[in-house]
Amino acid sequence: MRVLDDGAWISVNDSREVRVSELWRLDAPDLCECALADLVVENFQSVGVDGSTVEARVYGQCIACGATGTTGWVPIGRVRGGEFAGLDRSAVRRVRR
């Protein structure tokens, strides 16, 4: 797993799986004061694995309040049977510090 193209993509096994410019719903009280942030993902800072959960730290902007910043670890997918499975894009993601 790695970040590609100056933070524009997350690559898993040399396949581009997750990209910037997506809108994520986040439970991210450290990012902004919104109950749920509507974050436009602008850049991936780092990627890692915690057990079977693939996570990333991202920089983005909440479109509801305008706050910008870098998140804690946000789940972006899971490893199942040795393969990457992305999360449903409509899922609310809980940020881990």
PDB file of N, CA and C in Angstrom:
ATOM      1  N   MET A   1       0.822  -1.168   0.000  1.00  0.00           N
ATOM      2  CA  MET A   1       0.000   0.000   0.000  1.00  0.00           C
ATOM      3  C   MET A   1       0.873   1.241   0.000  1.00  0.00           C
ATOM      4  N   ARG A   2       0.477   2.228  -0.820  1.00  0.00           N
ATOM      5  CA  ARG A   2       1.246   3.464  -0.841  1.00  0.00           C
ATOM      6  C   ARG A   2       0.411   4.592  -1.437  1.00  0.00           C
ATOM      7  N   VAL A   3       0.879   5.811  -1.169  1.00  0.00           N
ATOM      8  CA  VAL A   3       0.267   7.009  -1.726  1.00  0.00           C
ATOM      9  C   VAL A   3       0.991   7.334  -3.025  1.00  0.00           C
ATOM     10  N   LEU A   4       0.232   7.637  -4.089  1.00  0.00           N
ATOM     11  CA  LEU A   4       0.797   7.933  -5.411  1.00  0.00           C
ATOM     12  C   LEU A   4       0.462   9.355  -5.860  1.00  0.00           C
ATOM     13  N   ASP A   5       1.195   9.818  -6.850  1.00  0.00           N
ATOM     14  CA  ASP A   5       0.899  11.066  -7.562  1.00  0.00           C
ATOM     15  C   ASP A   5       0.686  12.247  -6.621  1.00  0.00           C
ATOM     16  N   ASP A   6       1.682  12.490  -5.773  1.00  0.00           N
ATOM     17  CA  ASP A   6       1.641  13.621  -4.847  1.00  0.00           C
ATOM     18  C   ASP A   6       0.383  13.634  -3.987  1.00  0.00           C
ATOM     19  N   GLY A   7      -0.058  12.465  -3.558  1.00  0.00           N
ATOM     20  CA  GLY A   7      -1.198  12.371  -2.651  1.00  0.00           C
ATOM     21  C   GLY A   7      -2.547  12.264  -3.322  1.00  0.00           C
ATOM     22  N   ALA A   8      -2.590  12.023  -4.623  1.00  0.00           N
ATOM     23  CA  ALA A   8      -3.855  11.965  -5.356  1.00  0.00           C
ATOM     24  C   ALA A   8      -4.523  10.594  -5.325  1.00  0.00           C
ATOM     25  N   TRP A   9      -3.769   9.538  -5.077  1.00  0.00           N
ATOM     26  CA  TRP A   9      -4.290   8.168  -5.110  1.00  0.00           C
ATOM     27  C   TRP A   9      -3.687   7.335  -3.992  1.00  0.00           C
ATOM     28  N   ILE A  10      -4.444   6.313  -3.592  1.00  0.00           N
ATOM     29  CA  ILE A  10      -3.888   5.253  -2.760  1.00  0.00           C
ATOM     30  C   ILE A  10      -3.844   4.001  -3.629  1.00  0.00           C
ATOM     31  N   SER A  11      -2.667   3.423  -3.710  1.00  0.00           N
ATOM     32  CA  SER A  11      -2.440   2.231  -4.506  1.00  0.00           C
ATOM     33  C   SER A  11      -2.355   1.020  -3.583  1.00  0.00           C
ATOM     34  N   VAL A  12      -3.046  -0.047  -3.967  1.00  0.00           N
ATOM     35  CA  VAL A  12      -2.996  -1.320  -3.250  1.00  0.00           C
ATOM     36  C   VAL A  12      -2.555  -2.367  -4.261  1.00  0.00           C
ATOM     37  N   ASN A  13      -1.423  -3.011  -3.993  1.00  0.00           N
ATOM     38  CA  ASN A  13      -0.872  -4.018  -4.911  1.00  0.00           C
ATOM     39  C   ASN A  13      -0.752  -3.458  -6.341  1.00  0.00           C
ATOM     40  N   ASP A  14      -0.222  -2.242  -6.428  1.00  0.00           N
ATOM     41  CA  ASP A  14       0.009  -1.561  -7.707  1.00  0.00           C
ATOM     42  C   ASP A  14      -1.259  -1.299  -8.507  1.00  0.00           C
ATOM     43  N   SER A  15      -2.384  -1.194  -7.809  1.00  0.00           N
ATOM     44  CA  SER A  15      -3.651  -0.854  -8.456  1.00  0.00           C
ATOM     45  C   SER A  15      -4.235   0.365  -7.740  1.00  0.00           C
ATOM     46  N   ARG A  16      -4.564   1.412  -8.492  1.00  0.00           N
ATOM     47  CA  ARG A  16      -5.129   2.627  -7.898  1.00  0.00           C
ATOM     48  C   ARG A  16      -6.553   2.337  -7.434  1.00  0.00           C
ATOM     49  N   GLU A  17      -6.754   2.439  -6.124  1.00  0.00           N
ATOM     50  CA  GLU A  17      -8.033   2.035  -5.536  1.00  0.00           C
ATOM     51  C   GLU A  17      -8.863   3.194  -4.987  1.00  0.00           C
ATOM     52  N   VAL A  18      -8.224   4.196  -4.405  1.00  0.00           N
ATOM     53  CA  VAL A  18      -8.954   5.291  -3.758  1.00  0.00           C
ATOM     54  C   VAL A  18      -8.347   6.598  -4.256  1.00  0.00           C
ATOM     55  N   ARG A  19      -9.209   7.572  -4.625  1.00  0.00           N
ATOM     56  CA  ARG A  19      -8.708   8.822  -5.192  1.00  0.00           C
ATOM     57  C   ARG A  19      -9.222  10.028  -4.411  1.00  0.00           C
ATOM     58  N   VAL A  20      -8.578  11.155  -4.609  1.00  0.00           N
ATOM     59  CA  VAL A  20      -9.046  12.406  -4.022  1.00  0.00           C
ATOM     60  C   VAL A  20     -10.281  12.875  -4.784  1.00  0.00           C
ATOM     61  N   SER A  21     -10.850  13.974  -4.340  1.00  0.00           N
ATOM     62  CA  SER A  21     -12.036  14.609  -4.929  1.00  0.00           C
ATOM     63  C   SER A  21     -13.322  13.883  -4.588  1.00  0.00           C
ATOM     64  N   GLU A  22     -13.262  12.903  -3.708  1.00  0.00           N
ATOM     65  CA  GLU A  22     -14.475  12.246  -3.256  1.00  0.00           C
ATOM     66  C   GLU A  22     -15.029  13.002  -2.053  1.00  0.00           C
ATOM     67  N   LEU A  23     -16.317  12.864  -1.811  1.00  0.00           N
ATOM     68  CA  LEU A  23     -16.963  13.463  -0.651  1.00  0.00           C
ATOM     69  C   LEU A  23     -17.205  12.363   0.374  1.00  0.00           C
ATOM     70  N   TRP A  24     -16.626  12.536   1.561  1.00  0.00           N
ATOM     71  CA  TRP A  24     -16.791  11.552   2.632  1.00  0.00           C
ATOM     72  C   TRP A  24     -17.553  12.179   3.789  1.00  0.00           C
ATOM     73  N   ARG A  25     -18.442  11.400   4.414  1.00  0.00           N
ATOM     74  CA  ARG A  25     -19.111  11.815   5.654  1.00  0.00           C
ATOM     75  C   ARG A  25     -18.256  11.294   6.792  1.00  0.00           C
ATOM     76  N   LEU A  26     -17.831  12.214   7.653  1.00  0.00           N
ATOM     77  CA  LEU A  26     -16.934  11.847   8.742  1.00  0.00           C
ATOM     78  C   LEU A  26     -17.482  12.245  10.092  1.00  0.00           C
ATOM     79  N   ASP A  27     -17.282  11.381  11.054  1.00  0.00           N
ATOM     80  CA  ASP A  27     -17.450  11.723  12.461  1.00  0.00           C
ATOM     81  C   ASP A  27     -16.064  12.175  12.900  1.00  0.00           C
ATOM     82  N   ALA A  28     -15.814  13.493  12.805  1.00  0.00           N
ATOM     83  CA  ALA A  28     -14.463  14.036  12.997  1.00  0.00           C
ATOM     84  C   ALA A  28     -14.506  15.310  13.832  1.00  0.00           C
ATOM     85  N   PRO A  29     -14.773  15.184  15.145  1.00  0.00           N
ATOM     86  CA  PRO A  29     -14.896  16.387  15.976  1.00  0.00           C
ATOM     87  C   PRO A  29     -13.626  17.233  16.051  1.00  0.00           C
ATOM     88  N   ASP A  30     -12.467  16.655  15.768  1.00  0.00           N
ATOM     89  CA  ASP A  30     -11.230  17.442  15.790  1.00  0.00           C
ATOM     90  C   ASP A  30     -11.044  18.261  14.514  1.00  0.00           C
ATOM     91  N   LEU A  31     -11.793  17.962  13.478  1.00  0.00           N
ATOM     92  CA  LEU A  31     -11.665  18.679  12.205  1.00  0.00           C
ATOM     93  C   LEU A  31     -12.536  19.935  12.180  1.00  0.00           C
ATOM     94  N   CYS A  32     -13.800  19.768  12.598  1.00  0.00           N
ATOM     95  CA  CYS A  32     -14.721  20.911  12.600  1.00  0.00           C
ATOM     96  C   CYS A  32     -15.824  20.669  13.620  1.00  0.00           C
ATOM     97  N   GLU A  33     -16.701  21.664  13.761  1.00  0.00           N
ATOM     98  CA  GLU A  33     -17.758  21.587  14.762  1.00  0.00           C
ATOM     99  C   GLU A  33     -19.044  20.952  14.239  1.00  0.00           C
ATOM    100  N   CYS A  34     -19.082  20.551  12.990  1.00  0.00           N
ATOM    101  CA  CYS A  34     -20.268  19.915  12.425  1.00  0.00           C
ATOM    102  C   CYS A  34     -20.500  18.560  13.097  1.00  0.00           C
ATOM    103  N   ALA A  35     -21.775  18.190  13.262  1.00  0.00           N
ATOM    104  CA  ALA A  35     -22.089  16.875  13.837  1.00  0.00           C
ATOM    105  C   ALA A  35     -21.456  15.780  12.983  1.00  0.00           C
ATOM    106  N   LEU A  36     -21.581  15.896  11.666  1.00  0.00           N
ATOM    107  CA  LEU A  36     -20.901  15.030  10.704  1.00  0.00           C
ATOM    108  C   LEU A  36     -20.298  15.937   9.648  1.00  0.00           C
ATOM    109  N   ALA A  37     -19.001  15.823   9.426  1.00  0.00           N
ATOM    110  CA  ALA A  37     -18.333  16.638   8.417  1.00  0.00           C
ATOM    111  C   ALA A  37     -18.594  16.045   7.038  1.00  0.00           C
ATOM    112  N   ASP A  38     -18.850  16.912   6.076  1.00  0.00           N
ATOM    113  CA  ASP A  38     -18.918  16.526   4.669  1.00  0.00           C
ATOM    114  C   ASP A  38     -17.592  16.946   4.063  1.00  0.00           C
ATOM    115  N   LEU A  39     -16.640  16.029   4.063  1.00  0.00           N
ATOM    116  CA  LEU A  39     -15.269  16.343   3.697  1.00  0.00           C
ATOM    117  C   LEU A  39     -14.975  16.045   2.239  1.00  0.00           C
ATOM    118  N   VAL A  40     -14.508  17.059   1.517  1.00  0.00           N
ATOM    119  CA  VAL A  40     -13.975  16.844   0.178  1.00  0.00           C
ATOM    120  C   VAL A  40     -12.505  16.479   0.373  1.00  0.00           C
ATOM    121  N   VAL A  41     -12.139  15.276  -0.014  1.00  0.00           N
ATOM    122  CA  VAL A  41     -10.771  14.790   0.143  1.00  0.00           C
ATOM    123  C   VAL A  41      -9.890  15.464  -0.904  1.00  0.00           C
ATOM    124  N   GLU A  42      -8.866  16.195  -0.437  1.00  0.00           N
ATOM    125  CA  GLU A  42      -7.983  16.929  -1.341  1.00  0.00           C
ATOM    126  C   GLU A  42      -6.596  16.307  -1.478  1.00  0.00           C
ATOM    127  N   ASN A  43      -6.163  15.539  -0.452  1.00  0.00           N
ATOM    128  CA  ASN A  43      -4.816  14.971  -0.508  1.00  0.00           C
ATOM    129  C   ASN A  43      -4.680  13.870   0.532  1.00  0.00           C
ATOM    130  N   PHE A  44      -4.060  12.755   0.133  1.00  0.00           N
ATOM    131  CA  PHE A  44      -3.742  11.690   1.078  1.00  0.00           C
ATOM    132  C   PHE A  44      -2.371  11.969   1.666  1.00  0.00           C
ATOM    133  N   GLN A  45      -2.291  12.002   2.985  1.00  0.00           N
ATOM    134  CA  GLN A  45      -1.039  12.270   3.673  1.00  0.00           C
ATOM    135  C   GLN A  45      -0.253  10.982   3.930  1.00  0.00           C
ATOM    136  N   SER A  46      -0.956   9.922   4.355  1.00  0.00           N
ATOM    137  CA  SER A  46      -0.310   8.633   4.618  1.00  0.00           C
ATOM    138  C   SER A  46      -1.374   7.544   4.608  1.00  0.00           C
ATOM    139  N   VAL A  47      -0.922   6.304   4.486  1.00  0.00           N
ATOM    140  CA  VAL A  47      -1.812   5.153   4.450  1.00  0.00           C
ATOM    141  C   VAL A  47      -1.203   4.054   5.307  1.00  0.00           C
ATOM    142  N   GLY A  48      -2.055   3.246   5.923  1.00  0.00           N
ATOM    143  CA  GLY A  48      -1.574   2.154   6.760  1.00  0.00           C
ATOM    144  C   GLY A  48      -2.663   1.115   6.967  1.00  0.00           C
ATOM    145  N   VAL A  49      -2.316   0.068   7.695  1.00  0.00           N
ATOM    146  CA  VAL A  49      -3.248  -1.019   7.985  1.00  0.00           C
ATOM    147  C   VAL A  49      -3.269  -1.242   9.484  1.00  0.00           C
ATOM    148  N   ASP A  50      -4.470  -1.332  10.053  1.00  0.00           N
ATOM    149  CA  ASP A  50      -4.666  -1.651  11.463  1.00  0.00           C
ATOM    150  C   ASP A  50      -5.520  -2.909  11.506  1.00  0.00           C
ATOM    151  N   GLY A  51      -4.875  -4.060  11.702  1.00  0.00           N
ATOM    152  CA  GLY A  51      -5.586  -5.332  11.611  1.00  0.00           C
ATOM    153  C   GLY A  51      -5.989  -5.566  10.171  1.00  0.00           C
ATOM    154  N   SER A  52      -7.293  -5.682   9.922  1.00  0.00           N
ATOM    155  CA  SER A  52      -7.769  -5.854   8.548  1.00  0.00           C
ATOM    156  C   SER A  52      -8.308  -4.549   7.959  1.00  0.00           C
ATOM    157  N   THR A  53      -8.237  -3.457   8.719  1.00  0.00           N
ATOM    158  CA  THR A  53      -8.754  -2.167   8.254  1.00  0.00           C
ATOM    159  C   THR A  53      -7.656  -1.337   7.602  1.00  0.00           C
ATOM    160  N   VAL A  54      -7.902  -0.896   6.375  1.00  0.00           N
ATOM    161  CA  VAL A  54      -6.989   0.000   5.669  1.00  0.00           C
ATOM    162  C   VAL A  54      -7.415   1.421   6.025  1.00  0.00           C
ATOM    163  N   GLU A  55      -6.454   2.245   6.463  1.00  0.00           N
ATOM    164  CA  GLU A  55      -6.752   3.594   6.922  1.00  0.00           C
ATOM    165  C   GLU A  55      -5.847   4.604   6.239  1.00  0.00           C
ATOM    166  N   ALA A  56      -6.306   5.850   6.221  1.00  0.00           N
ATOM    167  CA  ALA A  56      -5.493   6.923   5.666  1.00  0.00           C
ATOM    168  C   ALA A  56      -5.681   8.182   6.490  1.00  0.00           C
ATOM    169  N   ARG A  57      -4.665   9.016   6.484  1.00  0.00           N
ATOM    170  CA  ARG A  57      -4.765  10.375   7.010  1.00  0.00           C
ATOM    171  C   ARG A  57      -4.921  11.264   5.782  1.00  0.00           C
ATOM    172  N   VAL A  58      -5.951  12.109   5.792  1.00  0.00           N
ATOM    173  CA  VAL A  58      -6.245  12.918   4.614  1.00  0.00           C
ATOM    174  C   VAL A  58      -6.355  14.393   4.967  1.00  0.00           C
ATOM    175  N   TYR A  59      -6.049  15.221   3.978  1.00  0.00           N
ATOM    176  CA  TYR A  59      -6.272  16.650   4.088  1.00  0.00           C
ATOM    177  C   TYR A  59      -7.502  16.962   3.250  1.00  0.00           C
ATOM    178  N   GLY A  60      -8.386  17.808   3.786  1.00  0.00           N
ATOM    179  CA  GLY A  60      -9.572  18.165   3.022  1.00  0.00           C
ATOM    180  C   GLY A  60     -10.311  19.332   3.632  1.00  0.00           C
ATOM    181  N   GLN A  61     -11.494  19.608   3.062  1.00  0.00           N
ATOM    182  CA  GLN A  61     -12.315  20.722   3.506  1.00  0.00           C
ATOM    183  C   GLN A  61     -13.744  20.261   3.707  1.00  0.00           C
ATOM    184  N   CYS A  62     -14.334  20.671   4.836  1.00  0.00           N
ATOM    185  CA  CYS A  62     -15.745  20.407   5.106  1.00  0.00           C
ATOM    186  C   CYS A  62     -16.555  21.394   4.274  1.00  0.00           C
ATOM    187  N   ILE A  63     -17.432  20.890   3.418  1.00  0.00           N
ATOM    188  CA  ILE A  63     -18.194  21.790   2.563  1.00  0.00           C
ATOM    189  C   ILE A  63     -19.344  22.457   3.321  1.00  0.00           C
ATOM    190  N   ALA A  64     -19.679  21.952   4.504  1.00  0.00           N
ATOM    191  CA  ALA A  64     -20.754  22.556   5.289  1.00  0.00           C
ATOM    192  C   ALA A  64     -20.295  23.827   6.003  1.00  0.00           C
ATOM    193  N   CYS A  65     -19.096  23.803   6.599  1.00  0.00           N
ATOM    194  CA  CYS A  65     -18.641  24.956   7.391  1.00  0.00           C
ATOM    195  C   CYS A  65     -17.383  25.626   6.849  1.00  0.00           C
ATOM    196  N   GLY A  66     -16.691  24.966   5.908  1.00  0.00           N
ATOM    197  CA  GLY A  66     -15.496  25.551   5.314  1.00  0.00           C
ATOM    198  C   GLY A  66     -14.194  25.233   6.019  1.00  0.00           C
ATOM    199  N   ALA A  67     -14.256  24.535   7.152  1.00  0.00           N
ATOM    200  CA  ALA A  67     -13.031  24.188   7.891  1.00  0.00           C
ATOM    201  C   ALA A  67     -12.144  23.280   7.042  1.00  0.00           C
ATOM    202  N   THR A  68     -10.825  23.487   7.145  1.00  0.00           N
ATOM    203  CA  THR A  68      -9.863  22.643   6.450  1.00  0.00           C
ATOM    204  C   THR A  68      -8.905  22.043   7.465  1.00  0.00           C
ATOM    205  N   GLY A  69      -8.291  20.935   7.100  1.00  0.00           N
ATOM    206  CA  GLY A  69      -7.292  20.336   7.967  1.00  0.00           C
ATOM    207  C   GLY A  69      -7.009  18.903   7.602  1.00  0.00           C
ATOM    208  N   THR A  70      -6.124  18.324   8.395  1.00  0.00           N
ATOM    209  CA  THR A  70      -5.738  16.921   8.227  1.00  0.00           C
ATOM    210  C   THR A  70      -6.446  16.103   9.297  1.00  0.00           C
ATOM    211  N   THR A  71      -7.018  15.003   8.879  1.00  0.00           N
ATOM    212  CA  THR A  71      -7.753  14.133   9.796  1.00  0.00           C
ATOM    213  C   THR A  71      -6.805  13.218  10.555  1.00  0.00           C
ATOM    214  N   GLY A  72      -7.368  12.544  11.548  1.00  0.00           N
ATOM    215  CA  GLY A  72      -6.700  11.389  12.130  1.00  0.00           C
ATOM    216  C   GLY A  72      -6.848  10.240  11.135  1.00  0.00           C
ATOM    217  N   TRP A  73      -6.734   9.016  11.607  1.00  0.00           N
ATOM    218  CA  TRP A  73      -6.831   7.846  10.719  1.00  0.00           C
ATOM    219  C   TRP A  73      -8.288   7.576  10.377  1.00  0.00           C
ATOM    220  N   VAL A  74      -8.587   7.540   9.077  1.00  0.00           N
ATOM    221  CA  VAL A  74      -9.932   7.324   8.551  1.00  0.00           C
ATOM    222  C   VAL A  74      -9.962   5.979   7.831  1.00  0.00           C
ATOM    223  N   PRO A  75     -10.927   5.102   8.159  1.00  0.00           N
ATOM    224  CA  PRO A  75     -11.010   3.837   7.433  1.00  0.00           C
ATOM    225  C   PRO A  75     -11.402   4.072   5.979  1.00  0.00           C
ATOM    226  N   ILE A  76     -10.696   3.408   5.058  1.00  0.00           N
ATOM    227  CA  ILE A  76     -11.009   3.535   3.631  1.00  0.00           C
ATOM    228  C   ILE A  76     -11.345   2.190   2.999  1.00  0.00           C
ATOM    229  N   GLY A  77     -11.085   1.107   3.718  1.00  0.00           N
ATOM    230  CA  GLY A  77     -11.378  -0.220   3.185  1.00  0.00           C
ATOM    231  C   GLY A  77     -10.922  -1.299   4.142  1.00  0.00           C
ATOM    232  N   ARG A  78     -11.051  -2.533   3.677  1.00  0.00           N
ATOM    233  CA  ARG A  78     -10.655  -3.688   4.477  1.00  0.00           C
ATOM    234  C   ARG A  78      -9.873  -4.659   3.602  1.00  0.00           C
ATOM    235  N   VAL A  79      -9.093  -5.488   4.260  1.00  0.00           N
ATOM    236  CA  VAL A  79      -8.398  -6.573   3.577  1.00  0.00           C
ATOM    237  C   VAL A  79      -9.194  -7.842   3.870  1.00  0.00           C
ATOM    238  N   ARG A  80      -9.701  -8.465   2.806  1.00  0.00           N
ATOM    239  CA  ARG A  80     -10.494  -9.698   2.934  1.00  0.00           C
ATOM    240  C   ARG A  80      -9.916 -10.743   2.003  1.00  0.00           C
ATOM    241  N   GLY A  81      -9.469 -11.831   2.584  1.00  0.00           N
ATOM    242  CA  GLY A  81      -8.899 -12.905   1.770  1.00  0.00           C
ATOM    243  C   GLY A  81      -7.691 -12.444   0.966  1.00  0.00           C
ATOM    244  N   GLY A  82      -6.939 -11.505   1.531  1.00  0.00           N
ATOM    245  CA  GLY A  82      -5.760 -10.993   0.859  1.00  0.00           C
ATOM    246  C   GLY A  82      -6.045  -9.942  -0.204  1.00  0.00           C
ATOM    247  N   GLU A  83      -7.311  -9.549  -0.371  1.00  0.00           N
ATOM    248  CA  GLU A  83      -7.711  -8.567  -1.377  1.00  0.00           C
ATOM    249  C   GLU A  83      -8.273  -7.321  -0.703  1.00  0.00           C
ATOM    250  N   PHE A  84      -8.114  -6.158  -1.363  1.00  0.00           N
ATOM    251  CA  PHE A  84      -8.653  -4.911  -0.863  1.00  0.00           C
ATOM    252  C   PHE A  84     -10.130  -4.788  -1.221  1.00  0.00           C
ATOM    253  N   ALA A  85     -10.945  -4.392  -0.244  1.00  0.00           N
ATOM    254  CA  ALA A  85     -12.361  -4.111  -0.474  1.00  0.00           C
ATOM    255  C   ALA A  85     -12.641  -2.712   0.059  1.00  0.00           C
ATOM    256  N   GLY A  86     -12.980  -1.792  -0.822  1.00  0.00           N
ATOM    257  CA  GLY A  86     -13.255  -0.415  -0.426  1.00  0.00           C
ATOM    258  C   GLY A  86     -14.552  -0.307   0.357  1.00  0.00           C
ATOM    259  N   LEU A  87     -14.658   0.748   1.167  1.00  0.00           N
ATOM    260  CA  LEU A  87     -15.889   0.995   1.910  1.00  0.00           C
ATOM    261  C   LEU A  87     -16.939   1.611   0.999  1.00  0.00           C
ATOM    262  N   ASP A  88     -18.189   1.400   1.348  1.00  0.00           N
ATOM    263  CA  ASP A  88     -19.292   2.052   0.649  1.00  0.00           C
ATOM    264  C   ASP A  88     -19.087   3.562   0.764  1.00  0.00           C
ATOM    265  N   ARG A  89     -19.134   4.258  -0.337  1.00  0.00           N
ATOM    266  CA  ARG A  89     -18.845   5.699  -0.338  1.00  0.00           C
ATOM    267  C   ARG A  89     -19.860   6.499   0.465  1.00  0.00           C
ATOM    268  N   SER A  90     -21.049   5.953   0.718  1.00  0.00           N
ATOM    269  CA  SER A  90     -22.054   6.675   1.492  1.00  0.00           C
ATOM    270  C   SER A  90     -21.932   6.417   3.000  1.00  0.00           C
ATOM    271  N   ALA A  91     -21.014   5.542   3.401  1.00  0.00           N
ATOM    272  CA  ALA A  91     -20.848   5.200   4.818  1.00  0.00           C
ATOM    273  C   ALA A  91     -20.303   6.384   5.607  1.00  0.00           C
ATOM    274  N   VAL A  92     -20.747   6.502   6.858  1.00  0.00           N
ATOM    275  CA  VAL A  92     -20.154   7.491   7.775  1.00  0.00           C
ATOM    276  C   VAL A  92     -18.888   6.846   8.331  1.00  0.00           C
ATOM    277  N   ARG A  93     -17.792   7.569   8.230  1.00  0.00           N
ATOM    278  CA  ARG A  93     -16.495   7.052   8.676  1.00  0.00           C
ATOM    279  C   ARG A  93     -16.104   7.716   9.985  1.00  0.00           C
ATOM    280  N   ARG A  94     -15.731   6.915  10.947  1.00  0.00           N
ATOM    281  CA  ARG A  94     -15.294   7.429  12.247  1.00  0.00           C
ATOM    282  C   ARG A  94     -13.788   7.593  12.239  1.00  0.00           C
ATOM    283  N   VAL A  95     -13.332   8.799  12.570  1.00  0.00           N
ATOM    284  CA  VAL A  95     -11.903   9.109  12.583  1.00  0.00           C
ATOM    285  C   VAL A  95     -11.280   8.601  13.880  1.00  0.00           C
ATOM    286  N   ARG A  96     -10.151   7.909  13.748  1.00  0.00           N
ATOM    287  CA  ARG A  96      -9.377   7.435  14.893  1.00  0.00           C
ATOM    288  C   ARG A  96      -8.163   8.344  15.047  1.00  0.00           C
ATOM    289  N   ARG A  97      -7.911   8.787  16.216  1.00  0.00           N
ATOM    290  CA  ARG A  97      -6.793   9.712  16.461  1.00  0.00           C
ATOM    291  C   ARG A  97      -5.471   9.053  16.417  1.00  0.00           C
TER     292      ARG A  97
END
